[in-house]
Amino acid sequence: MSPFSPEILWWITAIDLPALGGLFWLIWRTRREHEQAIADTRAALADFKLEVAKSYAAIGDVREVEKRLVSHLLRIESKLDATAMKTEALRAKESRNPE
């Protein structure tokens, strides 16, 4: 005599084994889809990195533009300083000679 009754064996054979097989298949398919999604994401990231490397300026170019910008700003600053000094001189002259 078997320790399992015929009803339990029928339940295991008809319900549990197909349900477990379905769960196994579902988990396996989900894992495969996630692995594919990760591979696609990695490929997209690699493509993006390549596009960034192609389209953005090199460090040397950025430094050259920075030097040009700084030199222009220094020229503007010197002109503003000269104008401020002239304005001060005119105000001092006006305060000494009120007409």
N, C-alpha and C. Protein backbone atom coordinates (compact mmCIF):
# COMPACT_ATOMS: atom_id res chain seq x y z
N MET A 1 0.83 -1.18 0.00
CA MET A 1 0.00 0.00 0.00
C MET A 1 0.88 1.24 0.00
N SER A 2 0.52 2.16 -0.81
CA SER A 2 1.28 3.40 -0.97
C SER A 2 0.89 4.38 0.14
N PRO A 3 1.86 5.24 0.57
CA PRO A 3 1.51 6.21 1.61
C PRO A 3 0.61 7.33 1.09
N PHE A 4 0.45 7.42 -0.21
CA PHE A 4 -0.39 8.45 -0.79
C PHE A 4 -1.70 7.85 -1.28
N SER A 5 -2.74 8.52 -1.00
CA SER A 5 -4.04 8.04 -1.48
C SER A 5 -4.20 8.37 -2.96
N PRO A 6 -5.10 7.71 -3.65
CA PRO A 6 -5.29 7.99 -5.09
C PRO A 6 -5.70 9.44 -5.36
N GLU A 7 -6.44 10.05 -4.44
CA GLU A 7 -6.85 11.44 -4.65
C GLU A 7 -5.63 12.37 -4.64
N ILE A 8 -4.70 12.11 -3.71
CA ILE A 8 -3.49 12.94 -3.62
C ILE A 8 -2.62 12.74 -4.85
N LEU A 9 -2.46 11.50 -5.29
CA LEU A 9 -1.68 11.23 -6.50
C LEU A 9 -2.31 11.91 -7.71
N TRP A 10 -3.64 11.84 -7.80
CA TRP A 10 -4.32 12.51 -8.91
C TRP A 10 -4.09 14.02 -8.84
N TRP A 11 -4.19 14.58 -7.64
CA TRP A 11 -3.99 16.03 -7.44
C TRP A 11 -2.57 16.44 -7.87
N ILE A 12 -1.58 15.66 -7.43
CA ILE A 12 -0.20 15.96 -7.78
C ILE A 12 0.00 15.84 -9.29
N THR A 13 -0.53 14.81 -9.89
CA THR A 13 -0.34 14.58 -11.32
C THR A 13 -1.11 15.59 -12.17
N ALA A 14 -2.33 15.88 -11.82
CA ALA A 14 -3.19 16.72 -12.66
C ALA A 14 -3.02 18.21 -12.41
N ILE A 15 -2.69 18.61 -11.19
CA ILE A 15 -2.69 20.03 -10.85
C ILE A 15 -1.29 20.52 -10.50
N ASP A 16 -0.64 19.91 -9.53
CA ASP A 16 0.62 20.43 -9.01
C ASP A 16 1.75 20.40 -10.03
N LEU A 17 1.94 19.29 -10.71
CA LEU A 17 3.04 19.21 -11.67
C LEU A 17 2.88 20.20 -12.83
N PRO A 18 1.71 20.33 -13.44
CA PRO A 18 1.58 21.36 -14.48
C PRO A 18 1.74 22.78 -13.92
N ALA A 19 1.24 23.02 -12.71
CA ALA A 19 1.39 24.36 -12.12
C ALA A 19 2.87 24.65 -11.86
N LEU A 20 3.61 23.70 -11.31
CA LEU A 20 5.03 23.91 -11.08
C LEU A 20 5.79 24.06 -12.40
N GLY A 21 5.40 23.29 -13.39
CA GLY A 21 6.03 23.43 -14.71
C GLY A 21 5.76 24.81 -15.29
N GLY A 22 4.55 25.30 -15.14
CA GLY A 22 4.21 26.64 -15.62
C GLY A 22 4.98 27.72 -14.88
N LEU A 23 5.11 27.57 -13.58
CA LEU A 23 5.89 28.54 -12.79
C LEU A 23 7.36 28.52 -13.21
N PHE A 24 7.90 27.31 -13.40
CA PHE A 24 9.28 27.21 -13.84
C PHE A 24 9.47 27.90 -15.19
N TRP A 25 8.56 27.63 -16.14
CA TRP A 25 8.64 28.24 -17.45
C TRP A 25 8.53 29.76 -17.36
N LEU A 26 7.62 30.27 -16.50
CA LEU A 26 7.44 31.70 -16.33
C LEU A 26 8.70 32.36 -15.76
N ILE A 27 9.29 31.74 -14.77
CA ILE A 27 10.53 32.28 -14.18
C ILE A 27 11.66 32.25 -15.21
N TRP A 28 11.77 31.15 -15.95
CA TRP A 28 12.82 31.04 -16.96
C TRP A 28 12.66 32.09 -18.05
N ARG A 29 11.43 32.32 -18.52
CA ARG A 29 11.17 33.31 -19.56
C ARG A 29 11.44 34.73 -19.05
N THR A 30 11.02 35.01 -17.81
CA THR A 30 11.24 36.33 -17.23
C THR A 30 12.73 36.60 -17.09
N ARG A 31 13.47 35.61 -16.65
CA ARG A 31 14.92 35.78 -16.51
C ARG A 31 15.57 36.04 -17.86
N ARG A 32 15.15 35.31 -18.89
CA ARG A 32 15.70 35.51 -20.23
C ARG A 32 15.37 36.90 -20.76
N GLU A 33 14.15 37.38 -20.51
CA GLU A 33 13.77 38.72 -20.95
C GLU A 33 14.59 39.79 -20.23
N HIS A 34 14.83 39.60 -18.94
CA HIS A 34 15.63 40.57 -18.19
C HIS A 34 17.08 40.57 -18.67
N GLU A 35 17.62 39.40 -18.96
CA GLU A 35 18.98 39.34 -19.49
C GLU A 35 19.07 40.06 -20.84
N GLN A 36 18.04 39.90 -21.67
CA GLN A 36 18.02 40.59 -22.97
C GLN A 36 17.90 42.10 -22.77
N ALA A 37 17.07 42.52 -21.81
CA ALA A 37 16.91 43.95 -21.53
C ALA A 37 18.23 44.54 -21.02
N ILE A 38 18.93 43.82 -20.19
CA ILE A 38 20.23 44.30 -19.69
C ILE A 38 21.23 44.41 -20.84
N ALA A 39 21.23 43.42 -21.73
CA ALA A 39 22.14 43.47 -22.88
C ALA A 39 21.79 44.65 -23.79
N ASP A 40 20.50 44.89 -24.01
CA ASP A 40 20.08 46.04 -24.83
C ASP A 40 20.49 47.35 -24.17
N THR A 41 20.33 47.44 -22.86
CA THR A 41 20.69 48.66 -22.14
C THR A 41 22.20 48.90 -22.23
N ARG A 42 22.97 47.86 -22.08
CA ARG A 42 24.43 48.00 -22.19
C ARG A 42 24.83 48.46 -23.60
N ALA A 43 24.19 47.90 -24.61
CA ALA A 43 24.50 48.30 -25.98
C ALA A 43 24.12 49.76 -26.22
N ALA A 44 22.96 50.17 -25.70
CA ALA A 44 22.53 51.56 -25.85
C ALA A 44 23.48 52.50 -25.12
N LEU A 45 23.94 52.12 -23.95
CA LEU A 45 24.88 52.94 -23.20
C LEU A 45 26.21 53.07 -23.94
N ALA A 46 26.67 51.98 -24.52
CA ALA A 46 27.92 52.02 -25.29
C ALA A 46 27.76 52.93 -26.51
N ASP A 47 26.60 52.84 -27.18
CA ASP A 47 26.36 53.72 -28.33
C ASP A 47 26.31 55.18 -27.89
N PHE A 48 25.69 55.45 -26.75
CA PHE A 48 25.61 56.82 -26.25
C PHE A 48 26.99 57.35 -25.91
N LYS A 49 27.81 56.53 -25.26
CA LYS A 49 29.18 56.95 -24.93
C LYS A 49 29.97 57.28 -26.19
N LEU A 50 29.79 56.47 -27.22
CA LEU A 50 30.48 56.72 -28.47
C LEU A 50 30.00 58.02 -29.11
N GLU A 51 28.71 58.27 -29.07
CA GLU A 51 28.17 59.51 -29.62
C GLU A 51 28.68 60.72 -28.86
N VAL A 52 28.75 60.61 -27.54
CA VAL A 52 29.28 61.70 -26.72
C VAL A 52 30.74 61.95 -27.07
N ALA A 53 31.50 60.89 -27.21
CA ALA A 53 32.92 61.05 -27.53
C ALA A 53 33.10 61.69 -28.91
N LYS A 54 32.21 61.42 -29.83
CA LYS A 54 32.33 61.99 -31.18
C LYS A 54 31.88 63.45 -31.23
N SER A 55 30.83 63.78 -30.49
CA SER A 55 30.19 65.08 -30.70
C SER A 55 30.61 66.16 -29.72
N TYR A 56 31.23 65.83 -28.64
CA TYR A 56 31.62 66.85 -27.67
C TYR A 56 33.05 67.30 -27.91
N ALA A 57 33.34 68.51 -27.44
CA ALA A 57 34.65 69.12 -27.67
C ALA A 57 35.73 68.42 -26.85
N ALA A 58 36.93 68.45 -27.40
CA ALA A 58 38.08 67.89 -26.69
C ALA A 58 38.54 68.87 -25.62
N ILE A 59 39.28 68.38 -24.65
CA ILE A 59 39.76 69.21 -23.54
C ILE A 59 40.63 70.36 -24.07
N GLY A 60 41.48 70.08 -25.04
CA GLY A 60 42.35 71.12 -25.60
C GLY A 60 41.54 72.24 -26.22
N ASP A 61 40.47 71.89 -26.93
CA ASP A 61 39.62 72.91 -27.54
C ASP A 61 38.94 73.76 -26.47
N VAL A 62 38.48 73.13 -25.42
CA VAL A 62 37.83 73.86 -24.33
C VAL A 62 38.81 74.81 -23.66
N ARG A 63 40.03 74.36 -23.46
CA ARG A 63 41.05 75.22 -22.85
C ARG A 63 41.38 76.42 -23.74
N GLU A 64 41.45 76.19 -25.04
CA GLU A 64 41.73 77.29 -25.97
C GLU A 64 40.62 78.34 -25.93
N VAL A 65 39.38 77.89 -25.93
CA VAL A 65 38.24 78.82 -25.85
C VAL A 65 38.25 79.55 -24.52
N GLU A 66 38.60 78.85 -23.45
CA GLU A 66 38.67 79.49 -22.14
C GLU A 66 39.73 80.59 -22.12
N LYS A 67 40.89 80.33 -22.70
CA LYS A 67 41.96 81.34 -22.75
C LYS A 67 41.51 82.57 -23.53
N ARG A 68 40.86 82.34 -24.68
CA ARG A 68 40.37 83.47 -25.48
C ARG A 68 39.33 84.27 -24.71
N LEU A 69 38.44 83.58 -24.03
CA LEU A 69 37.40 84.25 -23.26
C LEU A 69 37.99 85.07 -22.12
N VAL A 70 38.96 84.48 -21.42
CA VAL A 70 39.60 85.19 -20.32
C VAL A 70 40.34 86.43 -20.84
N SER A 71 41.02 86.31 -21.97
CA SER A 71 41.73 87.48 -22.50
C SER A 71 40.75 88.59 -22.88
N HIS A 72 39.63 88.24 -23.46
CA HIS A 72 38.63 89.25 -23.79
C HIS A 72 38.06 89.89 -22.52
N LEU A 73 37.79 89.08 -21.53
CA LEU A 73 37.28 89.64 -20.28
C LEU A 73 38.29 90.56 -19.61
N LEU A 74 39.56 90.21 -19.67
CA LEU A 74 40.59 91.08 -19.09
C LEU A 74 40.67 92.41 -19.85
N ARG A 75 40.53 92.37 -21.17
CA ARG A 75 40.52 93.62 -21.95
C ARG A 75 39.32 94.48 -21.58
N ILE A 76 38.18 93.86 -21.42
CA ILE A 76 36.98 94.62 -21.02
C ILE A 76 37.18 95.22 -19.63
N GLU A 77 37.76 94.44 -18.72
CA GLU A 77 38.01 94.93 -17.36
C GLU A 77 38.95 96.13 -17.37
N SER A 78 40.00 96.05 -18.18
CA SER A 78 40.94 97.18 -18.23
C SER A 78 40.26 98.43 -18.80
N LYS A 79 39.40 98.26 -19.80
CA LYS A 79 38.67 99.41 -20.35
C LYS A 79 37.72 100.00 -19.30
N LEU A 80 37.07 99.15 -18.54
CA LEU A 80 36.17 99.64 -17.49
C LEU A 80 36.95 100.37 -16.40
N ASP A 81 38.14 99.83 -16.06
CA ASP A 81 38.97 100.51 -15.06
C ASP A 81 39.40 101.89 -15.55
N ALA A 82 39.79 101.98 -16.81
CA ALA A 82 40.20 103.28 -17.37
C ALA A 82 39.02 104.25 -17.37
N THR A 83 37.85 103.78 -17.74
CA THR A 83 36.66 104.64 -17.74
C THR A 83 36.31 105.08 -16.32
N ALA A 84 36.43 104.20 -15.35
CA ALA A 84 36.14 104.54 -13.95
C ALA A 84 37.13 105.58 -13.45
N MET A 85 38.39 105.44 -13.83
CA MET A 85 39.40 106.41 -13.40
C MET A 85 39.13 107.79 -14.03
N LYS A 86 38.74 107.83 -15.30
CA LYS A 86 38.41 109.09 -15.95
C LYS A 86 37.20 109.74 -15.28
N THR A 87 36.21 108.93 -14.94
CA THR A 87 35.01 109.44 -14.26
C THR A 87 35.38 110.03 -12.91
N GLU A 88 36.24 109.34 -12.17
CA GLU A 88 36.69 109.85 -10.87
C GLU A 88 37.42 111.18 -11.03
N ALA A 89 38.28 111.27 -12.03
CA ALA A 89 39.04 112.50 -12.27
C ALA A 89 38.09 113.64 -12.61
N LEU A 90 37.08 113.38 -13.43
CA LEU A 90 36.11 114.43 -13.78
C LEU A 90 35.31 114.88 -12.56
N ARG A 91 34.90 113.94 -11.74
CA ARG A 91 34.15 114.30 -10.52
C ARG A 91 35.00 115.10 -9.55
N ALA A 92 36.28 114.70 -9.42
CA ALA A 92 37.18 115.44 -8.54
C ALA A 92 37.38 116.85 -9.06
N LYS A 93 37.53 116.98 -10.38
CA LYS A 93 37.72 118.29 -10.99
C LYS A 93 36.47 119.15 -10.78
N GLU A 94 35.29 118.55 -10.93
CA GLU A 94 34.04 119.29 -10.75
C GLU A 94 33.86 119.72 -9.30
N SER A 95 34.26 118.88 -8.37
CA SER A 95 34.11 119.23 -6.96
C SER A 95 35.09 120.35 -6.54
N ARG A 96 36.24 120.44 -7.20
CA ARG A 96 37.20 121.50 -6.90
C ARG A 96 36.79 122.80 -7.57
N ASN A 97 36.21 122.75 -8.71
CA ASN A 97 35.82 123.94 -9.47
C ASN A 97 34.31 123.99 -9.65
N PRO A 98 33.56 124.31 -8.63
CA PRO A 98 32.11 124.42 -8.83
C PRO A 98 31.81 125.70 -9.61
N GLU A 99 31.10 125.59 -10.66
CA GLU A 99 30.81 126.76 -11.50
C GLU A 99 29.47 127.29 -11.31
